[in-house]
C-alpha atoms as a PDB file:
ATOM      1  CA  UNK A   1      19.179  -2.299  -0.987  1.00  0.00           C
ATOM      2  CA  UNK A   2      16.213  -0.031  -0.249  1.00  0.00           C
ATOM      3  CA  UNK A   3      18.314   3.062  -0.957  1.00  0.00           C
ATOM      4  CA  UNK A   4      19.489   1.580  -4.284  1.00  0.00           C
ATOM      5  CA  UNK A   5      15.898   0.742  -5.241  1.00  0.00           C
ATOM      6  CA  UNK A   6      14.903   4.311  -4.402  1.00  0.00           C
ATOM      7  CA  UNK A   7      17.578   5.711  -6.708  1.00  0.00           C
ATOM      8  CA  UNK A   8      16.456   3.442  -9.549  1.00  0.00           C
ATOM      9  CA  UNK A   9      12.843   4.458  -8.983  1.00  0.00           C
ATOM     10  CA  UNK A  10      13.729   8.159  -9.134  1.00  0.00           C
ATOM     11  CA  UNK A  11      15.640   7.636 -12.383  1.00  0.00           C
ATOM     12  CA  UNK A  12      12.691   5.711 -13.831  1.00  0.00           C
ATOM     13  CA  UNK A  13      10.389   8.576 -12.840  1.00  0.00           C
ATOM     14  CA  UNK A  14      12.506  11.027 -14.806  1.00  0.00           C
ATOM     15  CA  UNK A  15      12.416   8.780 -17.846  1.00  0.00           C
ATOM     16  CA  UNK A  16       8.670   8.162 -17.448  1.00  0.00           C
ATOM     17  CA  UNK A  17       8.060  11.901 -17.440  1.00  0.00           C
ATOM     18  CA  UNK A  18       9.324  11.983 -21.038  1.00  0.00           C
ATOM     19  CA  UNK A  19       7.480   8.877 -22.242  1.00  0.00           C
ATOM     20  CA  UNK A  20       4.302   8.781 -24.379  1.00  0.00           C
ATOM     21  CA  UNK A  21       1.283   9.689 -22.275  1.00  0.00           C
ATOM     22  CA  UNK A  22       3.223  11.919 -19.890  1.00  0.00           C
ATOM     23  CA  UNK A  23       1.095  14.886 -20.939  1.00  0.00           C
ATOM     24  CA  UNK A  24      -2.245  13.110 -20.598  1.00  0.00           C
ATOM     25  CA  UNK A  25      -4.938  15.412 -19.284  1.00  0.00           C
ATOM     26  CA  UNK A  26      -6.345  14.505 -15.874  1.00  0.00           C
ATOM     27  CA  UNK A  27      -9.563  16.370 -16.660  1.00  0.00           C
ATOM     28  CA  UNK A  28     -12.597  14.303 -15.722  1.00  0.00           C
ATOM     29  CA  UNK A  29     -10.593  11.278 -14.612  1.00  0.00           C
ATOM     30  CA  UNK A  30     -11.217   9.598 -11.275  1.00  0.00           C
ATOM     31  CA  UNK A  31      -7.584   8.956 -10.396  1.00  0.00           C
ATOM     32  CA  UNK A  32      -7.156   6.717  -7.360  1.00  0.00           C
ATOM     33  CA  UNK A  33      -3.942   7.901  -5.735  1.00  0.00           C
ATOM     34  CA  UNK A  34      -2.674   5.740  -2.869  1.00  0.00           C
ATOM     35  CA  UNK A  35      -0.285   7.269  -0.331  1.00  0.00           C
ATOM     36  CA  UNK A  36       2.340   4.631   0.451  1.00  0.00           C
ATOM     37  CA  UNK A  37       2.582   4.533   4.264  1.00  0.00           C
ATOM     38  CA  UNK A  38       0.670   7.796   4.349  1.00  0.00           C
ATOM     39  CA  UNK A  39       1.859  11.304   3.469  1.00  0.00           C
ATOM     40  CA  UNK A  40       5.204  10.945   5.203  1.00  0.00           C
ATOM     41  CA  UNK A  41       7.402  12.890   2.797  1.00  0.00           C
ATOM     42  CA  UNK A  42       5.897  16.261   3.713  1.00  0.00           C
ATOM     43  CA  UNK A  43       5.035  18.097   6.866  1.00  0.00           C
ATOM     44  CA  UNK A  44       7.418  16.097   9.009  1.00  0.00           C
ATOM     45  CA  UNK A  45       4.968  13.219   9.539  1.00  0.00           C
ATOM     46  CA  UNK A  46       6.479   9.804  10.277  1.00  0.00           C
ATOM     47  CA  UNK A  47       5.378   7.009   7.924  1.00  0.00           C
ATOM     48  CA  UNK A  48       2.590   4.687   9.077  1.00  0.00           C
ATOM     49  CA  UNK A  49       1.421   7.055  11.810  1.00  0.00           C
ATOM     50  CA  UNK A  50      -1.925   8.714  12.425  1.00  0.00           C
ATOM     51  CA  UNK A  51      -0.354  12.066  11.518  1.00  0.00           C
ATOM     52  CA  UNK A  52       0.696  10.745   8.094  1.00  0.00           C
ATOM     53  CA  UNK A  53      -2.812   9.405   7.483  1.00  0.00           C
ATOM     54  CA  UNK A  54      -4.501  12.571   8.719  1.00  0.00           C
ATOM     55  CA  UNK A  55      -2.542  14.611   6.200  1.00  0.00           C
ATOM     56  CA  UNK A  56      -3.835  12.326   3.437  1.00  0.00           C
ATOM     57  CA  UNK A  57      -7.381  12.970   4.572  1.00  0.00           C
ATOM     58  CA  UNK A  58      -6.798  16.720   4.623  1.00  0.00           C
ATOM     59  CA  UNK A  59      -5.351  16.607   1.105  1.00  0.00           C
ATOM     60  CA  UNK A  60      -8.250  14.568  -0.251  1.00  0.00           C
ATOM     61  CA  UNK A  61      -6.133  11.533  -1.199  1.00  0.00           C
ATOM     62  CA  UNK A  62      -8.229   8.532  -2.263  1.00  0.00           C
ATOM     63  CA  UNK A  63      -6.400   5.828  -0.298  1.00  0.00           C
ATOM     64  CA  UNK A  64      -3.550   4.912   2.019  1.00  0.00           C
ATOM     65  CA  UNK A  65      -1.247   1.915   2.138  1.00  0.00           C
ATOM     66  CA  UNK A  66      -0.275   0.690   5.583  1.00  0.00           C
ATOM     67  CA  UNK A  67       1.557  -2.298   7.044  1.00  0.00           C
ATOM     68  CA  UNK A  68       0.220  -4.683   9.690  1.00  0.00           C
ATOM     69  CA  UNK A  69       2.265  -6.644  12.226  1.00  0.00           C
ATOM     70  CA  UNK A  70       1.226  -8.467  15.391  1.00  0.00           C
ATOM     71  CA  UNK A  71       2.549  -7.832  18.875  1.00  0.00           C
ATOM     72  CA  UNK A  72       3.403 -10.773  21.121  1.00  0.00           C
ATOM     73  CA  UNK A  73      -0.134 -10.735  22.553  1.00  0.00           C
ATOM     74  CA  UNK A  74      -1.786 -10.745  19.124  1.00  0.00           C
ATOM     75  CA  UNK A  75      -2.647  -7.069  18.692  1.00  0.00           C
ATOM     76  CA  UNK A  76      -2.360  -5.721  15.122  1.00  0.00           C
ATOM     77  CA  UNK A  77      -0.251  -2.581  14.894  1.00  0.00           C
ATOM     78  CA  UNK A  78       0.826  -0.429  11.964  1.00  0.00           C
ATOM     79  CA  UNK A  79       4.553  -0.637  11.287  1.00  0.00           C
ATOM     80  CA  UNK A  80       6.590  -1.692   8.257  1.00  0.00           C
ATOM     81  CA  UNK A  81       9.785  -3.104   9.747  1.00  0.00           C
ATOM     82  CA  UNK A  82       9.933  -6.041  12.186  1.00  0.00           C
ATOM     83  CA  UNK A  83      11.746  -3.815  14.692  1.00  0.00           C
ATOM     84  CA  UNK A  84      11.616  -0.126  15.618  1.00  0.00           C
ATOM     85  CA  UNK A  85      15.172   0.893  14.771  1.00  0.00           C
ATOM     86  CA  UNK A  86      14.846   2.747  11.471  1.00  0.00           C
ATOM     87  CA  UNK A  87      12.085   5.132  12.543  1.00  0.00           C
ATOM     88  CA  UNK A  88      12.395   5.318  16.313  1.00  0.00           C
ATOM     89  CA  UNK A  89      15.997   4.335  17.119  1.00  0.00           C
ATOM     90  CA  UNK A  90      14.966   1.211  19.024  1.00  0.00           C
ATOM     91  CA  UNK A  91      16.343  -1.695  17.007  1.00  0.00           C
ATOM     92  CA  UNK A  92      16.137  -3.965  20.048  1.00  0.00           C
ATOM     93  CA  UNK A  93      12.347  -3.506  20.205  1.00  0.00           C
ATOM     94  CA  UNK A  94      11.008  -6.221  17.915  1.00  0.00           C
ATOM     95  CA  UNK A  95       7.243  -5.887  17.400  1.00  0.00           C
ATOM     96  CA  UNK A  96       6.526  -9.623  17.702  1.00  0.00           C
ATOM     97  CA  UNK A  97       8.457  -9.874  20.977  1.00  0.00           C
ATOM     98  CA  UNK A  98       6.609  -7.154  22.906  1.00  0.00           C
ATOM     99  CA  UNK A  99       3.068  -6.785  24.150  1.00  0.00           C
ATOM    100  CA  UNK A 100       0.956  -3.959  22.842  1.00  0.00           C
ATOM    101  CA  UNK A 101       0.970  -2.287  26.265  1.00  0.00           C
ATOM    102  CA  UNK A 102       4.765  -2.230  26.441  1.00  0.00           C
ATOM    103  CA  UNK A 103       5.043  -1.082  22.834  1.00  0.00           C
ATOM    104  CA  UNK A 104       2.550   1.734  23.421  1.00  0.00           C
ATOM    105  CA  UNK A 105       4.464   2.868  26.488  1.00  0.00           C
ATOM    106  CA  UNK A 106       7.810   2.880  24.692  1.00  0.00           C
ATOM    107  CA  UNK A 107       6.697   4.176  21.273  1.00  0.00           C
ATOM    108  CA  UNK A 108       3.217   5.732  21.404  1.00  0.00           C
ATOM    109  CA  UNK A 109       3.466   6.891  17.771  1.00  0.00           C
ATOM    110  CA  UNK A 110       2.899   3.341  16.474  1.00  0.00           C
ATOM    111  CA  UNK A 111      -0.880   3.048  16.025  1.00  0.00           C
ATOM    112  CA  UNK A 112      -3.125   0.098  16.664  1.00  0.00           C
ATOM    113  CA  UNK A 113      -5.155  -1.037  13.656  1.00  0.00           C
ATOM    114  CA  UNK A 114      -8.356  -0.212  15.528  1.00  0.00           C
ATOM    115  CA  UNK A 115      -7.268   3.417  15.937  1.00  0.00           C
ATOM    116  CA  UNK A 116      -6.752   3.716  12.182  1.00  0.00           C
ATOM    117  CA  UNK A 117     -10.106   2.117  11.402  1.00  0.00           C
ATOM    118  CA  UNK A 118     -11.976   4.315  13.878  1.00  0.00           C
ATOM    119  CA  UNK A 119     -10.573   7.481  12.320  1.00  0.00           C
ATOM    120  CA  UNK A 120     -10.266   6.606   8.634  1.00  0.00           C
ATOM    121  CA  UNK A 121     -12.301   3.473   7.936  1.00  0.00           C
ATOM    122  CA  UNK A 122     -14.900   4.162   5.256  1.00  0.00           C
ATOM    123  CA  UNK A 123     -13.331   7.564   4.528  1.00  0.00           C
ATOM    124  CA  UNK A 124      -9.986   6.605   3.014  1.00  0.00           C
ATOM    125  CA  UNK A 125      -9.568   3.398   1.048  1.00  0.00           C
ATOM    126  CA  UNK A 126      -7.274   1.114   3.029  1.00  0.00           C
ATOM    127  CA  UNK A 127      -4.586  -0.940   1.292  1.00  0.00           C
ATOM    128  CA  UNK A 128      -3.567  -3.197   4.170  1.00  0.00           C
ATOM    129  CA  UNK A 129      -0.263  -4.977   3.636  1.00  0.00           C
ATOM    130  CA  UNK A 130       0.145  -8.212   5.569  1.00  0.00           C
ATOM    131  CA  UNK A 131       3.725  -8.417   6.843  1.00  0.00           C
ATOM    132  CA  UNK A 132       3.657 -11.879   8.478  1.00  0.00           C
ATOM    133  CA  UNK A 133       2.619 -15.338   7.349  1.00  0.00           C
ATOM    134  CA  UNK A 134      -0.355 -17.194   8.802  1.00  0.00           C
ATOM    135  CA  UNK A 135       1.749 -20.335   8.490  1.00  0.00           C
ATOM    136  CA  UNK A 136       4.171 -19.037  11.136  1.00  0.00           C
ATOM    137  CA  UNK A 137       1.506 -17.188  13.123  1.00  0.00           C
ATOM    138  CA  UNK A 138      -1.812 -18.990  12.602  1.00  0.00           C
ATOM    139  CA  UNK A 139      -3.645 -16.421  14.713  1.00  0.00           C
ATOM    140  CA  UNK A 140      -2.767 -13.563  12.352  1.00  0.00           C
ATOM    141  CA  UNK A 141      -5.924 -13.599  10.154  1.00  0.00           C
ATOM    142  CA  UNK A 142      -8.359 -13.768  13.088  1.00  0.00           C
ATOM    143  CA  UNK A 143      -6.504 -11.020  14.985  1.00  0.00           C
ATOM    144  CA  UNK A 144      -6.856  -8.710  11.980  1.00  0.00           C
ATOM    145  CA  UNK A 145     -10.348  -9.681  10.830  1.00  0.00           C
ATOM    146  CA  UNK A 146     -12.023  -9.031  14.159  1.00  0.00           C
ATOM    147  CA  UNK A 147     -11.350  -5.335  13.546  1.00  0.00           C
ATOM    148  CA  UNK A 148     -12.383  -5.322   9.884  1.00  0.00           C
ATOM    149  CA  UNK A 149     -15.819  -6.826  10.455  1.00  0.00           C
ATOM    150  CA  UNK A 150     -17.669  -3.529   9.925  1.00  0.00           C
ATOM    151  CA  UNK A 151     -15.935  -2.744   6.623  1.00  0.00           C
ATOM    152  CA  UNK A 152     -16.651  -4.198   3.199  1.00  0.00           C
ATOM    153  CA  UNK A 153     -13.820  -5.839   1.234  1.00  0.00           C
ATOM    154  CA  UNK A 154     -13.048  -4.173  -2.110  1.00  0.00           C
ATOM    155  CA  UNK A 155     -15.254  -1.177  -1.340  1.00  0.00           C
ATOM    156  CA  UNK A 156     -13.419  -0.155   1.845  1.00  0.00           C
ATOM    157  CA  UNK A 157     -10.196  -2.136   1.834  1.00  0.00           C
ATOM    158  CA  UNK A 158      -7.888  -4.580   0.062  1.00  0.00           C
ATOM    159  CA  UNK A 159      -5.311  -6.939   1.567  1.00  0.00           C
ATOM    160  CA  UNK A 160      -1.818  -6.885   0.049  1.00  0.00           C
ATOM    161  CA  UNK A 161       1.201  -9.141   0.343  1.00  0.00           C
ATOM    162  CA  UNK A 162       4.555  -9.728  -1.327  1.00  0.00           C
ATOM    163  CA  UNK A 163       3.879 -13.443  -0.766  1.00  0.00           C
ATOM    164  CA  UNK A 164       0.551 -14.482  -2.347  1.00  0.00           C
ATOM    165  CA  UNK A 165       0.236 -17.470  -0.013  1.00  0.00           C
ATOM    166  CA  UNK A 166       0.173 -15.143   2.992  1.00  0.00           C
ATOM    167  CA  UNK A 167      -3.273 -13.964   1.844  1.00  0.00           C
ATOM    168  CA  UNK A 168      -4.650 -17.502   1.652  1.00  0.00           C
ATOM    169  CA  UNK A 169      -5.068 -17.596   5.422  1.00  0.00           C
ATOM    170  CA  UNK A 170      -7.760 -14.902   5.234  1.00  0.00           C
ATOM    171  CA  UNK A 171     -10.551 -17.314   4.328  1.00  0.00           C
ATOM    172  CA  UNK A 172     -13.395 -14.896   5.106  1.00  0.00           C
ATOM    173  CA  UNK A 173     -12.142 -12.296   2.620  1.00  0.00           C
ATOM    174  CA  UNK A 174     -13.243 -12.697  -1.024  1.00  0.00           C
ATOM    175  CA  UNK A 175     -10.383 -13.285  -3.455  1.00  0.00           C
ATOM    176  CA  UNK A 176     -11.095 -10.140  -5.502  1.00  0.00           C
ATOM    177  CA  UNK A 177      -9.931  -8.163  -2.433  1.00  0.00           C
ATOM    178  CA  UNK A 178      -6.453  -9.766  -2.527  1.00  0.00           C
ATOM    179  CA  UNK A 179      -3.581  -7.830  -4.122  1.00  0.00           C
ATOM    180  CA  UNK A 180      -0.343  -9.667  -4.898  1.00  0.00           C
ATOM    181  CA  UNK A 181       2.649  -7.320  -4.789  1.00  0.00           C
ATOM    182  CA  UNK A 182       5.548  -7.807  -7.200  1.00  0.00           C
ATOM    183  CA  UNK A 183       9.094  -6.701  -6.510  1.00  0.00           C
ATOM    184  CA  UNK A 184      11.680  -7.959  -9.018  1.00  0.00           C
ATOM    185  CA  UNK A 185       9.519 -10.999  -9.805  1.00  0.00           C
ATOM    186  CA  UNK A 186       6.586  -9.557 -11.732  1.00  0.00           C
ATOM    187  CA  UNK A 187       6.257 -12.495 -14.114  1.00  0.00           C
ATOM    188  CA  UNK A 188       6.189 -15.065 -11.310  1.00  0.00           C
ATOM    189  CA  UNK A 189       3.724 -13.006  -9.253  1.00  0.00           C
ATOM    190  CA  UNK A 190       1.364 -12.620 -12.213  1.00  0.00           C
ATOM    191  CA  UNK A 191       1.415 -16.391 -12.827  1.00  0.00           C
ATOM    192  CA  UNK A 192       0.709 -17.081  -9.154  1.00  0.00           C
ATOM    193  CA  UNK A 193      -2.043 -14.459  -9.106  1.00  0.00           C
ATOM    194  CA  UNK A 194      -3.780 -16.153 -12.020  1.00  0.00           C
ATOM    195  CA  UNK A 195      -3.390 -19.586 -10.395  1.00  0.00           C
ATOM    196  CA  UNK A 196      -4.871 -18.462  -7.073  1.00  0.00           C
ATOM    197  CA  UNK A 197      -7.595 -16.255  -8.542  1.00  0.00           C
ATOM    198  CA  UNK A 198      -6.606 -13.197  -6.538  1.00  0.00           C
ATOM    199  CA  UNK A 199      -8.139  -9.935  -7.668  1.00  0.00           C
ATOM    200  CA  UNK A 200      -5.181  -7.665  -8.405  1.00  0.00           C
ATOM    201  CA  UNK A 201      -1.450  -7.204  -8.848  1.00  0.00           C
ATOM    202  CA  UNK A 202       0.592  -4.187  -7.760  1.00  0.00           C
ATOM    203  CA  UNK A 203       4.199  -3.392  -8.535  1.00  0.00           C
ATOM    204  CA  UNK A 204       6.768  -1.055 -10.035  1.00  0.00           C
ATOM    205  CA  UNK A 205       5.553   0.817 -13.103  1.00  0.00           C
ATOM    206  CA  UNK A 206       8.880  -0.017 -14.736  1.00  0.00           C
ATOM    207  CA  UNK A 207       8.326  -3.773 -14.328  1.00  0.00           C
ATOM    208  CA  UNK A 208       4.587  -3.877 -14.931  1.00  0.00           C
ATOM    209  CA  UNK A 209       4.925  -2.962 -18.581  1.00  0.00           C
ATOM    210  CA  UNK A 210       1.943  -2.164 -20.766  1.00  0.00           C
ATOM    211  CA  UNK A 211       1.629  -5.719 -22.095  1.00  0.00           C
ATOM    212  CA  UNK A 212       1.490  -7.085 -18.546  1.00  0.00           C
ATOM    213  CA  UNK A 213      -1.142  -4.529 -17.586  1.00  0.00           C
ATOM    214  CA  UNK A 214      -3.221  -5.571 -20.581  1.00  0.00           C
ATOM    215  CA  UNK A 215      -2.756  -9.257 -19.744  1.00  0.00           C
ATOM    216  CA  UNK A 216      -4.029  -8.680 -16.229  1.00  0.00           C
ATOM    217  CA  UNK A 217      -6.940  -6.473 -17.205  1.00  0.00           C
ATOM    218  CA  UNK A 218      -8.037  -8.901 -19.912  1.00  0.00           C
ATOM    219  CA  UNK A 219      -8.116 -11.564 -17.190  1.00  0.00           C
ATOM    220  CA  UNK A 220     -10.406  -9.327 -15.141  1.00  0.00           C
ATOM    221  CA  UNK A 221      -7.703  -8.241 -12.707  1.00  0.00           C
ATOM    222  CA  UNK A 222      -7.057  -4.784 -11.324  1.00  0.00           C
ATOM    223  CA  UNK A 223      -3.595  -3.222 -11.419  1.00  0.00           C
ATOM    224  CA  UNK A 224      -1.717  -0.896  -9.096  1.00  0.00           C
ATOM    225  CA  UNK A 225       1.546   0.761 -10.115  1.00  0.00           C
ATOM    226  CA  UNK A 226       4.149   2.801  -8.282  1.00  0.00           C
ATOM    227  CA  UNK A 227       6.081   4.492  -7.020  1.00  0.00           C
ATOM    228  CA  UNK A 228       5.227   7.709  -8.818  1.00  0.00           C
ATOM    229  CA  UNK A 229       7.143  10.876  -7.936  1.00  0.00           C
ATOM    230  CA  UNK A 230       6.435  13.364 -10.736  1.00  0.00           C
ATOM    231  CA  UNK A 231       3.401  14.797 -12.498  1.00  0.00           C
ATOM    232  CA  UNK A 232       4.584  13.373 -15.814  1.00  0.00           C
ATOM    233  CA  UNK A 233       4.923   9.869 -14.367  1.00  0.00           C
ATOM    234  CA  UNK A 234       1.480  10.198 -12.791  1.00  0.00           C
ATOM    235  CA  UNK A 235      -0.072  11.159 -16.119  1.00  0.00           C
ATOM    236  CA  UNK A 236       1.760   8.302 -17.818  1.00  0.00           C
ATOM    237  CA  UNK A 237       0.207   5.784 -15.429  1.00  0.00           C
ATOM    238  CA  UNK A 238      -3.240   7.295 -15.967  1.00  0.00           C
ATOM    239  CA  UNK A 239      -2.620   6.977 -19.699  1.00  0.00           C
ATOM    240  CA  UNK A 240      -1.669   3.309 -19.292  1.00  0.00           C
ATOM    241  CA  UNK A 241      -4.870   2.579 -17.404  1.00  0.00           C
ATOM    242  CA  UNK A 242      -3.558   1.721 -13.937  1.00  0.00           C
ATOM    243  CA  UNK A 243      -6.438   1.290 -11.500  1.00  0.00           C
ATOM    244  CA  UNK A 244      -4.431   2.547  -8.517  1.00  0.00           C
ATOM    245  CA  UNK A 245      -1.297   4.684  -8.480  1.00  0.00           C
ATOM    246  CA  UNK A 246       0.960   4.389  -5.433  1.00  0.00           C
ATOM    247  CA  UNK A 247       3.247   7.198  -4.311  1.00  0.00           C
ATOM    248  CA  UNK A 248       5.496   8.348  -1.490  1.00  0.00           C
ATOM    249  CA  UNK A 249       4.743  11.939  -2.541  1.00  0.00           C
ATOM    250  CA  UNK A 250       1.011  12.332  -2.034  1.00  0.00           C
ATOM    251  CA  UNK A 251       1.356  15.938  -0.867  1.00  0.00           C
ATOM    252  CA  UNK A 252       3.160  16.801  -4.111  1.00  0.00           C
ATOM    253  CA  UNK A 253       0.838  14.954  -6.496  1.00  0.00           C
ATOM    254  CA  UNK A 254      -2.636  15.281  -5.007  1.00  0.00           C
ATOM    255  CA  UNK A 255      -2.855  19.018  -5.864  1.00  0.00           C
ATOM    256  CA  UNK A 256      -2.393  18.070  -9.544  1.00  0.00           C
ATOM    257  CA  UNK A 257      -5.611  16.053  -9.315  1.00  0.00           C
ATOM    258  CA  UNK A 258      -7.419  18.945  -7.669  1.00  0.00           C
ATOM    259  CA  UNK A 259      -6.414  21.227 -10.563  1.00  0.00           C
ATOM    260  CA  UNK A 260      -7.613  18.576 -13.041  1.00  0.00           C
ATOM    261  CA  UNK A 261      -5.406  19.853 -15.809  1.00  0.00           C
END
């Protein structure tokens, strides 16, 4: 499924590069590029690792998206999948079933949230995706928030989720800092976002069409679109007024912003 979605996204990028606005100048624009799971498509860095985030910092990328899961003893770590098979060949190592100490021993590349905050907090904007529900793990919000206490919501970080209700457990975070992520359900996510009063919606640029972007912005919401792969698609999203532009190719696109052409 993920591979099929990737193919569709690449095809959409090619089409977007020919669409109106694809030649928009970036001169003088403060484009907020967000590296999805860090800069993992270049330099051999593994996604959601300190190396992938360090490369973003070196490139001057505005923000990084990263995924949070809890270990069995309630420590927040940065990893997208529930297990470690896809990236580290350890499918039997399920994050929620192992303590942080055992996980660190087996796979030291998986960072603790505190390590990320100590190195990048306040320097890179953090788009923190919540990968588990507080309804199944009531301790989740407190385990995460104890590390975010020194950062300011909206200015330093946002919380993201594919399930808007999963953000409702974070009662100490203001709603403008919540980002509801759409997959193939953009219409339903937008309706839920408006009902809950969350601050933003993010999703595929092909599904968040211009009318939906306008609807959200007229309601005072912010909008993130992705996943951009080409310079033309990047310019198109700038032209459409996206607040944040997500990409798996930060190392390819960030230099275009430095040139400002």
